[in-house]
Protein backbone atom coordinates (compact mmCIF):
# COMPACT_ATOMS: atom_id res chain seq x y z
CA MET A 1 5.18 22.55 10.85
CA TYR A 2 3.45 19.78 9.07
CA PRO A 3 0.46 17.81 10.68
CA GLN A 4 1.89 14.42 11.92
CA ASN A 5 2.89 11.70 9.38
CA SER A 6 2.69 14.34 6.36
CA PHE A 7 6.39 15.62 5.22
CA VAL A 8 8.12 17.17 2.24
CA PHE A 9 11.64 15.93 1.30
CA SER A 10 13.76 18.01 -1.25
CA LYS A 11 17.08 17.70 -2.49
CA SER A 12 18.26 20.19 -0.23
CA ASP A 13 17.32 17.88 2.74
CA VAL A 14 19.67 14.80 1.72
CA ASN A 15 22.41 15.63 3.98
CA GLU A 16 20.32 15.93 6.92
CA ALA A 17 18.71 12.54 6.19
CA LEU A 18 20.66 10.63 8.82
CA GLN A 19 18.06 7.87 10.06
CA SER A 20 15.06 6.42 8.44
CA GLN A 21 11.60 7.65 8.95
CA LEU A 22 8.22 5.96 8.73
CA TYR A 23 4.96 8.15 8.37
CA GLY A 24 2.45 5.47 9.55
CA TYR A 25 2.31 2.05 10.55
CA ALA A 26 4.36 -1.00 8.71
CA LEU A 27 3.56 -4.79 9.14
CA THR A 28 6.33 -7.38 8.65
CA ASP A 29 6.12 -11.14 8.93
CA THR A 30 6.82 -10.94 12.77
CA ALA A 31 6.25 -7.29 13.64
CA VAL A 32 3.63 -4.49 13.59
CA ILE A 33 5.89 -0.87 13.60
CA PHE A 34 4.27 2.41 14.25
CA GLY A 35 6.31 5.48 13.24
CA THR A 36 9.81 6.37 13.34
CA LYS A 37 10.39 5.29 16.94
CA GLY A 38 8.80 2.08 16.42
CA LEU A 39 11.00 1.43 13.25
CA GLN A 40 14.34 2.45 15.10
CA SER A 41 13.62 -0.14 17.57
CA TYR A 42 12.61 -2.73 15.16
CA LEU A 43 16.04 -2.23 13.12
CA LEU A 44 18.03 -2.58 16.21
CA LYS A 45 16.50 -6.14 16.36
CA SER A 46 16.44 -6.99 12.50
CA GLY A 47 18.64 -4.47 10.52
CA SER A 48 16.26 -4.94 7.42
CA ILE A 49 14.55 -1.81 6.14
CA ASN A 50 12.91 -4.00 3.39
CA ILE A 51 9.50 -3.30 4.74
CA ARG A 52 6.51 -3.58 2.37
CA GLU A 53 3.19 -3.96 4.07
CA GLY A 54 1.07 -1.48 6.22
CA ARG A 55 -0.12 2.05 5.64
CA PHE A 56 2.85 4.28 5.43
CA ALA A 57 5.12 6.46 3.56
CA GLY A 58 8.93 5.77 4.34
CA VAL A 59 12.26 7.65 3.91
CA PHE A 60 14.85 4.89 4.15
CA VAL A 61 18.20 5.77 4.50
CA ASP A 62 21.26 3.36 3.84
CA THR A 63 25.13 3.83 3.45
CA ASP A 64 24.61 5.02 -0.34
CA ASN A 65 21.21 5.96 -0.94
CA VAL A 66 17.90 7.20 0.59
CA ILE A 67 14.71 5.45 -0.89
CA ILE A 68 11.40 7.03 -0.83
CA ARG A 69 8.27 4.57 -1.17
CA ALA A 70 4.73 3.55 0.24
CA ASP A 71 3.48 0.63 1.59
CA ASN A 72 2.85 -2.51 -1.22
CA THR A 73 -0.79 -1.17 -1.79
CA GLY A 74 -0.22 2.39 -1.73
CA GLN A 75 -2.27 3.37 1.31
CA GLU A 76 -0.37 6.65 1.67
CA LEU A 77 -0.19 8.75 -1.60
CA ILE A 78 3.32 9.88 -2.42
CA TYR A 79 3.46 13.09 -5.01
CA TYR A 80 6.98 13.93 -6.84
CA TYR A 81 8.23 16.79 -8.75
CA THR A 82 11.34 16.80 -11.00
CA ASN A 83 13.05 19.34 -13.19
CA GLY A 84 16.37 18.62 -14.20
CA ASP A 85 18.81 18.04 -11.45
CA ASP A 86 16.15 19.50 -8.90
CA TRP A 87 13.25 17.57 -7.07
CA SER A 88 10.97 17.53 -4.41
CA VAL A 89 8.76 14.83 -2.68
CA SER A 90 5.62 14.85 -0.34
CA ASN A 91 2.42 12.88 1.00
CA SER A 92 0.77 16.28 0.63
CA PHE A 93 -0.15 17.60 -3.10
CA TYR A 94 -0.62 21.18 -1.81
CA TYR A 95 2.21 21.10 0.53
CA LEU A 96 4.36 19.81 -2.51
CA VAL A 97 3.14 22.58 -4.67
CA ALA A 98 3.90 25.28 -2.27
CA GLU A 99 7.52 23.97 -1.85
CA VAL A 100 8.22 23.82 -5.37
CA LYS A 101 6.71 27.14 -6.32
CA LYS A 102 9.43 28.76 -4.20
CA ARG A 103 11.80 27.68 -6.96
CA HIS A 104 10.02 26.95 -10.10
CA SER A 105 6.98 27.89 -12.25
CA LEU A 106 4.04 25.67 -12.34
CA ASN A 107 1.04 25.04 -14.51
CA LEU A 108 -2.43 23.91 -14.11
CA TYR A 109 -2.94 20.48 -15.92
CA GLU A 110 -6.57 21.13 -17.22
CA PRO A 111 -7.78 17.39 -17.90
CA SER A 112 -7.16 16.36 -14.48
CA VAL A 113 -9.21 19.22 -13.22
CA GLU A 114 -12.15 18.47 -15.60
CA ALA A 115 -12.20 14.73 -14.84
CA PHE A 116 -13.72 15.38 -11.48
CA HIS A 117 -17.04 16.25 -13.31
CA LEU A 118 -17.33 12.62 -14.23
CA LYS A 119 -20.43 11.29 -12.54
CA ARG A 120 -21.02 14.43 -10.72
CA GLY A 121 -18.11 13.91 -8.54
CA THR A 122 -18.63 10.08 -7.20
CA HIS A 123 -17.24 6.91 -8.45
CA ILE A 124 -14.72 7.31 -11.21
CA GLY A 125 -15.02 11.06 -10.66
CA GLU A 126 -14.36 11.29 -7.08
CA GLN A 127 -10.82 11.20 -7.10
CA LEU A 128 -7.90 11.87 -9.70
CA ILE A 129 -8.43 9.44 -12.72
CA SER A 130 -4.62 8.78 -13.16
CA HIS A 131 -1.16 9.58 -11.96
CA ASN A 132 -1.47 12.81 -13.49
CA THR A 133 -2.21 15.49 -11.12
CA CYS A 134 -3.84 18.87 -11.27
CA VAL A 135 -0.24 20.42 -12.02
CA GLU A 136 1.60 19.55 -15.01
CA GLU A 137 5.12 19.05 -13.53
CA ILE A 138 4.00 16.76 -10.41
CA LYS A 139 2.94 13.26 -10.47
CA VAL A 140 1.70 10.28 -8.31
CA LEU A 141 3.97 7.76 -7.62
CA PRO A 142 2.55 4.67 -8.71
CA VAL A 143 2.40 1.63 -6.50
CA ASN A 144 4.92 -0.37 -8.43
CA ALA A 145 7.49 2.46 -8.16
CA HIS A 146 9.91 3.82 -5.55
CA LEU A 147 12.26 6.73 -5.75
CA ARG A 148 15.93 5.89 -5.03
CA ILE A 149 18.45 9.01 -4.18
CA CYS A 150 22.01 8.61 -4.36
CA ARG A 151 23.37 10.34 -1.17
CA LYS A 152 26.84 11.36 -2.82
CA SER A 153 25.25 13.06 -6.35
CA LYS A 154 21.94 13.88 -4.76
CA GLN A 155 20.30 12.64 -8.04
CA LEU A 156 16.80 11.05 -7.88
CA HIS A 157 15.94 8.17 -9.90
CA ILE A 158 12.67 6.64 -10.29
CA HIS A 159 12.65 2.88 -10.26
CA THR A 160 9.51 1.10 -11.64
CA ILE A 161 8.74 -2.55 -12.23
CA SER A 162 5.55 -4.15 -13.58
CA TYR A 163 2.24 -4.23 -11.39
CA GLU A 164 2.26 -8.24 -11.79
CA GLU A 165 6.05 -8.32 -10.51
CA HIS A 166 5.47 -5.78 -7.93
CA PHE A 167 2.65 -8.04 -6.45
CA GLU A 168 4.35 -11.56 -7.22
CA LEU A 169 1.51 -12.26 -9.57
CA ASN A 170 3.66 -14.22 -12.19
CA ASP A 171 4.87 -16.73 -9.97
CA PRO A 172 4.16 -20.14 -11.55
CA SER A 173 4.55 -22.10 -8.28
CA ALA A 174 2.05 -19.89 -6.63
CA LYS A 175 -0.45 -21.99 -4.89
CA TYR A 176 -3.96 -20.53 -3.87
CA GLU A 177 -4.19 -22.51 -0.81
CA GLU A 178 -1.10 -21.50 0.71
CA ILE A 179 -1.63 -17.83 -0.20
CA LEU A 180 -5.07 -17.98 1.57
CA SER A 181 -3.78 -20.05 4.54
CA ASN A 182 -1.01 -17.34 4.99
CA ALA A 183 -3.29 -14.43 4.90
CA ILE A 184 -5.40 -15.99 7.33
CA SER A 185 -2.42 -16.47 9.56
CA LYS A 186 -0.99 -12.90 9.21
CA GLY A 187 -4.18 -11.44 9.79
CA VAL A 188 -5.11 -13.38 12.88
CA GLY A 189 -1.59 -12.67 14.49
CA ILE A 190 -1.45 -8.87 13.82
CA LEU A 191 -5.00 -8.55 15.13
CA SER A 192 -4.18 -10.71 17.99
CA ALA A 193 -1.17 -8.26 18.70
CA ILE A 194 -3.21 -5.20 18.24
CA LYS A 195 -6.07 -6.44 20.84
CA LYS A 196 -3.37 -7.44 23.33
CA HIS A 197 -1.66 -3.84 22.97
CA PHE A 198 -4.43 -1.32 22.63
CA ALA A 199 -7.51 -1.04 24.94
CA ASN A 200 -10.11 0.39 22.75
CA LEU A 201 -11.08 -1.28 19.21
CA ASN A 202 -14.17 -0.45 17.34
CA LEU A 203 -14.72 -2.58 14.40
CA PHE A 204 -17.54 -1.00 11.85
CA LEU A 205 -19.43 -4.02 10.64
CA SER A 206 -21.82 -3.74 7.62
CA GLY A 207 -23.85 -6.50 6.24
CA GLY A 208 -21.46 -7.17 3.65
CA TYR A 209 -18.36 -9.27 3.18
CA ASP A 210 -15.15 -7.07 3.88
CA SER A 211 -15.82 -6.18 7.75
CA ARG A 212 -17.17 -9.94 8.41
CA LEU A 213 -13.80 -11.14 7.11
CA VAL A 214 -12.03 -8.74 9.66
CA LEU A 215 -14.65 -10.30 12.23
CA GLY A 216 -13.35 -13.73 11.53
CA LEU A 217 -9.82 -12.72 11.91
CA LEU A 218 -10.41 -11.17 15.24
CA THR A 219 -12.36 -13.89 16.72
CA ALA A 220 -10.29 -16.91 15.14
CA ASP A 221 -7.58 -16.90 17.93
CA GLY A 222 -10.07 -17.91 20.63
CA LYS A 223 -8.58 -15.48 23.01
CA PRO A 224 -11.00 -12.86 24.93
CA ASN A 225 -12.32 -9.83 23.14
CA ASP A 226 -12.86 -7.48 25.92
CA SER A 227 -11.02 -4.65 24.17
CA LEU A 228 -13.47 -5.07 20.80
CA ASN A 229 -16.51 -3.30 20.40
CA VAL A 230 -18.56 -3.83 17.11
CA MET A 231 -20.01 -0.66 15.85
CA SER A 232 -23.25 -0.46 13.41
CA HIS A 233 -25.32 2.21 12.37
CA ILE A 234 -28.93 1.83 13.38
CA HIS A 235 -30.41 3.71 10.73
CA LYS A 236 -28.71 1.47 8.28
CA LYS A 237 -31.45 -1.26 9.10
CA GLU A 238 -30.11 -4.45 6.76
CA ASP A 239 -26.74 -3.98 8.14
CA PHE A 240 -27.74 -3.46 11.97
CA VAL A 241 -29.71 -6.63 11.83
CA VAL A 242 -26.82 -8.47 10.50
CA ALA A 243 -24.49 -7.00 13.32
CA GLU A 244 -26.90 -7.82 15.92
CA ARG A 245 -27.09 -11.38 14.48
CA LEU A 246 -23.29 -11.91 14.56
CA THR A 247 -22.41 -10.17 17.75
CA LYS A 248 -25.07 -12.18 19.85
CA ARG A 249 -23.64 -15.28 17.92
CA LEU A 250 -19.99 -14.57 18.99
CA GLY A 251 -20.78 -13.15 22.34
CA LEU A 252 -19.47 -9.51 21.26
CA LYS A 253 -20.26 -5.78 22.40
CA LEU A 254 -22.56 -3.97 20.12
CA ASN A 255 -22.58 -0.12 19.99
CA GLN A 256 -20.83 0.10 23.31
CA PRO A 257 -17.57 1.85 22.66
CA THR A 258 -15.35 3.15 25.44
CA LYS A 259 -15.75 6.77 25.95
CA ILE A 260 -13.08 9.01 25.34
CA ASP A 261 -13.31 12.55 26.16
CA ARG A 262 -12.83 14.17 22.61
CA GLU A 263 -10.46 16.94 22.28
CA PHE A 264 -10.43 19.52 19.58
CA GLY A 265 -7.03 20.74 18.63
CA ILE A 266 -8.06 22.94 15.71
CA SER A 267 -10.68 25.10 14.63
CA SER A 268 -13.27 24.92 11.68
CA SER A 269 -10.78 27.13 9.35
CA GLU A 270 -7.94 24.73 10.72
CA SER A 271 -9.81 21.91 9.69
CA LEU A 272 -10.66 22.74 6.37
CA ARG A 273 -6.84 23.79 5.62
CA MET A 274 -6.40 20.09 6.79
CA TYR A 275 -8.60 18.63 4.35
CA LEU A 276 -7.04 20.73 1.68
CA ALA A 277 -3.45 19.39 2.68
CA SER A 278 -4.59 15.85 2.20
CA CYS A 279 -7.27 15.97 -0.24
CA GLY A 280 -7.34 19.37 -2.08
CA SER A 281 -7.35 18.64 -5.96
CA THR A 282 -6.99 15.08 -5.57
CA TYR A 283 -10.06 13.64 -3.67
CA LEU A 284 -13.33 15.34 -3.21
CA PRO A 285 -15.42 14.06 -0.07
CA MET A 286 -14.92 16.02 3.11
CA TYR A 287 -14.36 13.92 6.34
CA PRO A 288 -13.29 16.90 8.83
CA VAL A 289 -10.83 16.25 11.25
CA SER A 290 -10.36 17.79 14.74
CA ALA A 291 -6.52 17.52 15.18
CA TYR A 292 -3.05 17.71 13.25
CA ARG A 293 -1.70 14.88 15.56
CA GLN A 294 -2.62 11.41 17.19
CA PHE A 295 -3.76 12.08 20.60
CA LYS A 296 -2.30 9.94 23.49
CA ARG A 297 -5.86 8.47 24.08
CA PHE A 298 -7.32 7.16 21.16
CA ASN A 299 -9.71 4.40 19.46
CA VAL A 300 -8.25 1.85 17.16
CA ARG A 301 -10.82 2.18 14.32
CA LEU A 302 -11.01 -1.25 12.24
CA THR A 303 -12.46 -1.48 8.88
CA GLY A 304 -12.80 -3.61 5.89
CA ASP A 305 -11.08 -1.81 3.25
CA GLN A 306 -9.25 -3.86 0.83
CA PRO A 307 -7.13 -3.34 -2.27
CA THR A 308 -9.17 -4.88 -5.16
CA GLY A 309 -12.72 -3.55 -5.06
CA TRP A 310 -14.25 -5.73 -7.56
CA SER A 311 -17.65 -4.59 -7.34
CA HIS A 312 -16.74 -0.99 -8.04
CA PHE A 313 -16.39 -1.58 -11.72
CA ALA A 314 -18.61 -4.66 -12.22
CA GLY A 315 -21.64 -4.76 -14.52
CA ASN A 316 -22.35 -2.70 -17.61
CA ALA A 317 -23.79 0.45 -16.18
CA LYS A 318 -22.02 3.60 -17.16
CA PHE A 319 -18.43 3.83 -16.23
CA ASN A 320 -18.70 0.10 -15.39
CA GLY A 321 -17.29 -2.70 -17.51
CA THR A 322 -14.09 -3.37 -19.29
CA ALA A 323 -11.30 -0.43 -19.75
CA HIS A 324 -12.39 0.12 -23.34
CA LYS A 325 -15.92 0.54 -22.35
CA ILE A 326 -15.38 2.89 -19.76
CA ARG A 327 -12.89 4.88 -22.09
CA ALA A 328 -15.81 5.39 -24.46
CA ASP A 329 -18.35 6.13 -21.63
CA ILE A 330 -15.79 8.86 -20.42
CA ILE A 331 -15.75 10.56 -24.14
CA ASP A 332 -19.53 10.31 -24.26
CA GLU A 333 -19.86 12.06 -20.81
CA MET A 334 -17.28 14.78 -21.66
CA LYS A 335 -18.42 15.58 -24.89
CA THR A 336 -19.70 19.02 -23.96
CA ARG A 337 -16.58 19.46 -21.88
CA VAL A 338 -13.00 20.93 -23.46
CA HIS A 339 -10.62 18.34 -22.43
CA GLY A 340 -12.81 15.02 -23.08
CA ALA A 341 -10.41 13.07 -25.29
CA ALA A 342 -7.74 14.07 -22.89
CA VAL A 343 -9.30 12.71 -19.63
CA ALA A 344 -10.11 9.46 -21.54
CA ASP A 345 -6.28 9.02 -22.58
CA ASP A 346 -5.39 9.83 -18.73
CA PHE A 347 -7.82 6.93 -17.62
CA MET A 348 -6.20 4.71 -20.08
CA SER A 349 -2.63 5.73 -19.41
CA THR A 350 -2.58 3.76 -15.87
CA PHE A 351 -2.62 0.73 -17.76
CA ASP A 352 0.61 1.68 -19.32
CA VAL A 353 2.07 2.94 -15.88
CA LEU A 354 1.28 -0.44 -14.49
CA ASP A 355 2.39 -2.50 -17.66
CA VAL A 356 -1.04 -4.06 -17.62
CA ASP A 357 -2.88 -5.10 -20.67
CA PRO A 358 -6.25 -3.12 -20.47
CA LYS A 359 -7.95 -6.19 -22.15
CA SER A 360 -6.80 -8.44 -19.52
CA PRO A 361 -9.53 -10.21 -16.88
CA PHE A 362 -7.86 -8.45 -13.81
CA ALA A 363 -7.37 -5.05 -15.77
CA MET A 364 -9.89 -2.86 -13.88
CA LEU A 365 -8.98 -5.06 -10.54
CA ALA A 366 -5.54 -3.46 -11.17
CA HIS A 367 -6.82 -0.01 -12.15
CA TYR A 368 -8.99 0.22 -8.76
CA SER A 369 -6.05 -0.82 -6.80
CA ALA A 370 -3.45 1.89 -8.14
CA ILE A 371 -5.97 4.56 -8.22
CA ARG A 372 -9.48 4.47 -6.42
CA ALA A 373 -8.28 2.28 -3.28
CA ARG A 374 -5.27 4.68 -2.91
CA PHE A 375 -7.63 7.74 -2.52
CA HIS A 376 -10.66 6.34 -1.34
CA CYS A 377 -9.09 4.10 1.38
CA GLY A 378 -5.87 5.77 1.74
CA ARG A 379 -4.60 9.21 2.58
CA ASN A 380 -3.29 7.65 5.66
CA TRP A 381 -1.91 10.54 7.31
CA TYR A 382 -5.01 12.28 7.44
CA LYS A 383 -7.22 9.59 8.44
CA SER A 384 -5.21 9.00 11.74
CA GLN A 385 -5.47 12.08 13.74
CA GLY A 386 -6.97 12.84 17.18
CA SER A 387 -8.82 10.14 18.82
CA ASP A 388 -9.09 7.64 16.18
CA PHE A 389 -6.30 5.70 14.80
CA LEU A 390 -7.31 3.74 11.39
CA PHE A 391 -6.01 0.18 11.01
CA THR A 392 -6.99 -1.61 7.81
CA PRO A 393 -5.99 -5.47 8.23
CA LEU A 394 -7.17 -6.29 4.71
CA MET A 395 -4.93 -3.89 2.77
CA GLN A 396 -2.26 -6.63 1.88
CA THR A 397 -0.46 -8.25 -1.14
CA GLU A 398 -1.91 -11.62 -0.51
CA PHE A 399 -5.66 -10.18 -1.24
CA ILE A 400 -4.62 -8.97 -4.60
CA GLN A 401 -2.88 -12.23 -5.43
CA LEU A 402 -5.91 -14.25 -4.38
CA ASP A 403 -8.19 -11.95 -6.67
CA PHE A 404 -5.85 -12.02 -9.49
CA LEU A 405 -5.75 -16.09 -9.33
CA ASN A 406 -9.62 -16.36 -9.03
CA ALA A 407 -10.07 -13.86 -12.08
CA ASN A 408 -7.39 -15.97 -14.29
CA ASN A 409 -9.22 -18.70 -13.57
CA GLY A 410 -12.83 -17.33 -14.29
CA PHE A 411 -14.33 -17.65 -10.69
CA GLU A 412 -16.76 -14.94 -9.79
CA PRO A 413 -15.22 -12.47 -7.38
CA LYS A 414 -16.89 -13.38 -4.24
CA LYS A 415 -15.45 -16.74 -4.25
CA VAL A 416 -12.45 -15.55 -2.03
CA PHE A 417 -14.74 -14.53 0.83
CA ALA A 418 -16.48 -18.11 0.94
CA ASP A 419 -12.91 -19.54 0.87
CA PHE A 420 -11.93 -17.25 3.70
CA PHE A 421 -14.97 -17.85 5.80
CA SER A 422 -14.60 -21.61 5.46
CA ALA A 423 -11.61 -21.38 7.84
CA PHE A 424 -13.47 -19.76 10.68
CA GLY A 425 -16.45 -22.34 11.41
CA ASN A 426 -20.07 -22.48 10.56
CA TRP A 427 -20.99 -19.08 11.64
CA ALA A 428 -19.12 -16.93 8.92
CA LEU A 429 -21.08 -19.04 5.95
CA GLU A 430 -24.46 -19.50 7.74
CA GLU A 431 -25.14 -16.11 8.93
CA PRO A 432 -27.33 -14.02 6.23
CA PHE A 433 -25.78 -10.92 4.66
CA GLU A 434 -27.47 -7.71 4.22
CA THR A 435 -29.10 -8.67 0.83
CA PRO A 436 -30.08 -11.99 -0.37
CA ASP A 437 -27.81 -11.58 -3.63
CA ARG A 438 -24.87 -11.79 -1.17
CA ALA A 439 -25.48 -15.14 -0.23
CA PHE A 440 -23.21 -17.74 -1.63
CA SER A 441 -24.05 -20.47 -3.91
CA THR A 442 -24.16 -24.13 -2.67
CA GLU A 443 -21.50 -24.64 -5.49
CA LEU A 444 -19.04 -21.80 -3.92
CA ILE A 445 -19.71 -23.19 -0.42
CA LYS A 446 -18.70 -26.91 -1.47
CA LEU A 447 -15.58 -25.55 -3.34
CA ALA A 448 -14.54 -23.52 -0.02
CA GLN A 449 -15.38 -26.52 2.32
CA LYS A 450 -12.90 -28.61 -0.11
CA MET A 451 -10.15 -26.21 0.34
CA ARG A 452 -6.81 -27.95 1.97
CA ILE A 453 -5.93 -24.85 3.89
CA SER A 454 -4.04 -24.90 7.19
CA PRO A 455 -3.71 -21.43 8.72
CA ASP A 456 -1.72 -20.84 11.89
CA PHE A 457 -3.91 -19.27 14.66
CA SER A 458 -1.24 -18.98 17.24
CA LYS A 459 1.47 -17.01 15.11
CA GLU A 460 2.68 -14.23 17.30
CA TYR A 461 3.81 -10.74 16.41
CA VAL A 462 5.98 -8.01 18.37
CA VAL A 463 4.71 -4.59 18.50
CA TYR A 464 7.16 -1.66 18.33
CA GLY A 465 6.36 1.90 18.94
CA MET A 466 3.02 3.73 19.49
CA PRO A 467 0.68 5.87 17.03
CA TYR A 468 1.07 9.13 18.92
CA ILE A 469 4.38 10.83 19.46
CA GLU A 470 5.19 12.06 22.82
CA ASP A 471 7.21 14.96 21.85
CA PHE A 472 5.38 16.11 18.75
CA GLU A 473 5.44 19.83 18.35
CA SER A 474 2.49 21.88 19.39
CA ASP A 475 0.88 24.30 17.09
CA PHE A 476 2.33 27.50 16.00
CA LEU A 477 1.34 29.55 18.94
CA GLY A 478 1.81 26.96 21.41
CA VAL A 479 -1.66 27.07 22.75
CA ASN A 480 -4.57 24.42 22.31
CA LEU A 481 -7.88 26.59 22.36
CA ASN A 482 -9.99 23.48 22.37
CA ILE A 483 -12.33 24.90 19.71
CA SER A 484 -14.94 22.42 17.95
CA ASN A 485 -14.31 22.03 14.48
CA ASP A 486 -18.09 22.79 13.84
CA HIS A 487 -19.52 21.50 10.52
CA GLU A 488 -21.89 24.12 10.25
CA GLU A 489 -19.11 26.61 10.41
CA ILE A 490 -16.96 24.80 7.70
CA LYS A 491 -20.12 25.09 5.64
CA ASP A 492 -20.10 29.04 6.04
CA ILE A 493 -16.51 28.81 5.06
CA LEU A 494 -17.19 27.25 2.01
CA GLU A 495 -19.90 29.62 0.94
CA THR A 496 -17.52 32.47 1.64
CA LEU A 497 -14.88 30.66 -0.31
CA TYR A 498 -17.11 29.72 -3.35
CA TYR A 499 -18.03 33.38 -3.73
CA ARG A 500 -14.71 34.24 -3.62
CA ALA A 501 -13.56 31.64 -6.36
CA ASN A 502 -13.39 34.09 -9.32
CA ARG A 503 -10.32 32.31 -11.02
CA ALA A 504 -11.78 28.97 -11.19
CA LYS A 505 -14.95 30.30 -12.24
CA GLY A 506 -13.13 31.86 -15.17
CA LEU A 507 -11.91 29.15 -16.54
CA LYS A 508 -13.88 27.16 -19.21
CA LEU A 509 -13.34 23.96 -17.01
CA PHE A 510 -16.72 24.96 -15.18
CA GLN A 511 -19.93 25.68 -16.84
CA GLU A 512 -22.82 27.48 -15.71
CA ASP A 513 -24.69 24.04 -14.69
CA ASP A 514 -21.55 23.39 -12.36
CA LEU A 515 -21.97 26.61 -10.73
CA ARG A 516 -25.80 26.22 -10.24
CA LEU A 517 -24.93 22.86 -8.81
CA CYS A 518 -22.37 24.51 -6.36
CA LYS A 519 -25.05 26.98 -5.13
CA SER A 520 -27.55 24.34 -4.74
CA GLU A 521 -25.37 22.37 -2.55
CA ILE A 522 -24.14 25.40 -0.25
CA ASN A 523 -28.13 26.16 -0.13
CA LYS A 524 -29.04 22.85 0.91
CA ARG A 525 -26.36 22.32 3.70
CA GLY A 526 -26.34 18.85 3.27
CA SER A 527 -23.36 16.35 4.60
CA LEU A 528 -19.81 17.53 3.90
CA SER A 529 -18.88 14.02 3.06
CA HIS A 530 -21.38 13.48 0.26
CA ASN A 531 -23.26 16.82 -0.62
CA TYR A 532 -20.35 19.25 -1.50
CA ARG A 533 -18.38 17.80 -3.86
CA LYS A 534 -18.82 20.20 -6.71
CA THR A 535 -18.19 23.24 -4.32
CA THR A 536 -14.99 21.36 -3.23
CA HIS A 537 -14.00 20.91 -6.69
CA LEU A 538 -14.42 24.53 -7.50
CA ILE A 539 -12.76 25.65 -4.27
CA SER A 540 -9.68 23.32 -4.40
CA THR A 541 -9.37 24.46 -8.34
CA GLU A 542 -9.41 28.14 -6.96
CA ILE A 543 -6.92 27.57 -4.01
CA LEU A 544 -4.42 25.59 -6.47
CA MET A 545 -4.49 28.32 -9.03
CA SER A 546 -3.67 30.72 -5.92
CA LEU A 547 -0.78 28.58 -5.31
CA ILE A 548 0.64 28.34 -8.51
CA GLN A 549 0.24 31.77 -9.86
């Protein structure tokens, strides 16, 4: 049994693929679709499996083919293995490794393992650096590709188009104002349906642009927001001051979430297994979950995650700037490591996979959306378990299209936010941000106010299905012990696993300084999300080696 919304699909499964499966949620121009039951209800009305937006992995079945793909921005990661006529696919790297190892030998790909040392496992080193995984024979399916399987021959083919074609960036008739209006109309309509359909919505509001944009989309329809609660961390003073001002001005609740009795479906060791199934050898930070399925009572967690992340690679600091500068930074950083040149080449290989010129003005935007945004913001099945359901309304194609047009026209990245905010009335532009440098220039505000946009705030969407599965299979013993996944217990387990990680320690990929850093992390017992990255790097490598050897 796999956790809810995770799957493994192999050649032997083709004959049993009788209906399409949706793992996550999908968005169309008229509908919000949750899970396979929601998809089947939607298909009875529309008949079309041409679904692109949302956060999902889909196994779409028609008369002749089975098509496997993620949403347009790749918020669910799909890994695939091919060997002659044999193949397997999964949205869990470790589940795929375990499945393939039953039939074939696998080999550690050391450059991907070593790349996690970059910037001590943060920023560029926080996730895989390319579409190559830590196993030579397994790859990440690019955002601009899908898998097509002939139902008769069971042969798998990888269909790839360019990044520009995938996101429809090469349309000479594309008009910025029309795309902006459409993005606002869709966002407002989708969130209006979410507000109507679900009782508990929590928007996590910072003092920046992204979450304020979600706030604008939530309130633009003028309908009551009784189900909406704004969350802001009091200890982040600059953010909290902004949240207080915005909620007071808009008459919204602040830090008053609806209380849901928390259930614990799994223990600490099982929580660690869940992390490894989703993130092992692919993403270092650990955010433990308390279940392997969506509970019937849950909060909708709204965030401002978006696909382009201009600020991530902006500037001239190390690992920031142009693609070729970052490549040089990688070589310099890795000069004492074994595979520095190969890591740098892997980083650059993403541009070949996307068919993007690394010298183009939007090259790093493309790299961010193809790699960083998918791991940091994605990994969808893992993020919607237990009493939280993640919904990211900005993860849509239009946001990439708008940033692409602004980049090619030489505008600064924050222009798009000024343009969005101008549609919501004065409050979005007038209220200050968490730092003065976030403020918009007079020129940007004037440009935004001159925009000829006409969003439709009355557009309605139909909701199909629900995030939870009524008949989801229980744990393998059929008993929920309601044991807390205590973080201190997880740290104890990590310490034990570190001392047992003899295979990984024996590799030349980990130096004495790395092992000292692991010991320091273990002794300090900091937060799992930020302070165990070298330890999770080492332990994930150890577990991966045990799986493939």
